Amino acid sequence: MTTNPFPPAAVDALAHGLEHYRLTTPTDQQTPADAAITAAEYLVTLGYTIHLPEPA
């Protein structure tokens, strides 16, 4: 069994963000990128931060 490296609250926020996107955006306008942005916004509202690696 593998361990999930993500805190349960983060997983829950991502799930809620994706569900919110799915329910509020018309199907013909949905894109994976916009779904990811919405999910990330849910994480940020909970206080999570996004760290980008330095370019090599």
C-alpha atoms as a PDB file:
ATOM      1  CA  MET A   1       0.000   0.000   0.000  1.00  0.00           C
ATOM      2  CA  THR A   2       1.367   3.426  -0.945  1.00  0.00           C
ATOM      3  CA  THR A   3       0.986   6.439   1.272  1.00  0.00           C
ATOM      4  CA  ASN A   4      -0.749   9.513  -0.101  1.00  0.00           C
ATOM      5  CA  PRO A   5       1.734  12.411   0.261  1.00  0.00           C
ATOM      6  CA  PHE A   6      -1.049  14.998   0.203  1.00  0.00           C
ATOM      7  CA  PRO A   7      -2.840  16.156   3.336  1.00  0.00           C
ATOM      8  CA  PRO A   8      -6.473  14.972   3.374  1.00  0.00           C
ATOM      9  CA  ALA A   9      -7.664  18.596   3.578  1.00  0.00           C
ATOM     10  CA  ALA A  10      -5.791  19.401   0.358  1.00  0.00           C
ATOM     11  CA  VAL A  11      -7.305  16.421  -1.439  1.00  0.00           C
ATOM     12  CA  ASP A  12     -10.749  17.470  -0.205  1.00  0.00           C
ATOM     13  CA  ALA A  13     -10.200  21.038  -1.435  1.00  0.00           C
ATOM     14  CA  LEU A  14      -9.119  19.809  -4.854  1.00  0.00           C
ATOM     15  CA  ALA A  15     -12.181  17.570  -5.101  1.00  0.00           C
ATOM     16  CA  HIS A  16     -14.488  20.424  -4.126  1.00  0.00           C
ATOM     17  CA  GLY A  17     -12.825  22.791  -6.570  1.00  0.00           C
ATOM     18  CA  LEU A  18     -13.196  20.338  -9.429  1.00  0.00           C
ATOM     19  CA  GLU A  19     -16.806  19.588  -8.519  1.00  0.00           C
ATOM     20  CA  HIS A  20     -17.593  23.309  -8.328  1.00  0.00           C
ATOM     21  CA  TYR A  21     -16.041  23.823 -11.760  1.00  0.00           C
ATOM     22  CA  ARG A  22     -17.951  20.877 -13.227  1.00  0.00           C
ATOM     23  CA  LEU A  23     -21.269  22.140 -11.868  1.00  0.00           C
ATOM     24  CA  THR A  24     -20.859  25.838 -12.714  1.00  0.00           C
ATOM     25  CA  THR A  25     -19.163  25.773 -16.110  1.00  0.00           C
ATOM     26  CA  PRO A  26     -21.122  24.717 -19.190  1.00  0.00           C
ATOM     27  CA  THR A  27     -19.860  21.387 -20.491  1.00  0.00           C
ATOM     28  CA  ASP A  28     -18.909  22.799 -23.877  1.00  0.00           C
ATOM     29  CA  GLN A  29     -16.725  25.442 -22.193  1.00  0.00           C
ATOM     30  CA  GLN A  30     -14.868  23.167 -19.765  1.00  0.00           C
ATOM     31  CA  THR A  31     -11.135  22.668 -20.228  1.00  0.00           C
ATOM     32  CA  PRO A  32      -8.627  20.709 -18.160  1.00  0.00           C
ATOM     33  CA  ALA A  33      -6.533  23.851 -17.649  1.00  0.00           C
ATOM     34  CA  ASP A  34      -9.462  25.871 -16.291  1.00  0.00           C
ATOM     35  CA  ALA A  35     -10.475  22.980 -14.038  1.00  0.00           C
ATOM     36  CA  ALA A  36      -6.939  22.887 -12.646  1.00  0.00           C
ATOM     37  CA  ILE A  37      -6.978  26.638 -12.025  1.00  0.00           C
ATOM     38  CA  THR A  38     -10.273  26.399 -10.151  1.00  0.00           C
ATOM     39  CA  ALA A  39      -8.978  23.513  -8.040  1.00  0.00           C
ATOM     40  CA  ALA A  40      -5.770  25.424  -7.271  1.00  0.00           C
ATOM     41  CA  GLU A  41      -7.800  28.461  -6.230  1.00  0.00           C
ATOM     42  CA  TYR A  42      -9.577  26.284  -3.660  1.00  0.00           C
ATOM     43  CA  LEU A  43      -6.207  25.254  -2.236  1.00  0.00           C
ATOM     44  CA  VAL A  44      -5.020  28.851  -2.030  1.00  0.00           C
ATOM     45  CA  THR A  45      -8.183  29.947  -0.207  1.00  0.00           C
ATOM     46  CA  LEU A  46      -7.358  27.342   2.468  1.00  0.00           C
ATOM     47  CA  GLY A  47      -3.911  28.864   2.921  1.00  0.00           C
ATOM     48  CA  TYR A  48      -1.887  26.464   0.795  1.00  0.00           C
ATOM     49  CA  THR A  49       0.834  28.070  -1.292  1.00  0.00           C
ATOM     50  CA  ILE A  50       2.200  27.154  -4.660  1.00  0.00           C
ATOM     51  CA  HIS A  51       5.966  26.890  -5.043  1.00  0.00           C
ATOM     52  CA  LEU A  52       7.437  26.753  -8.511  1.00  0.00           C
ATOM     53  CA  PRO A  53      10.869  25.211  -8.951  1.00  0.00           C
ATOM     54  CA  GLU A  54      13.659  27.454 -10.143  1.00  0.00           C
ATOM     55  CA  PRO A  55      14.413  27.007 -13.845  1.00  0.00           C
ATOM     56  CA  ALA A  56      17.420  24.807 -14.501  1.00  0.00           C
END
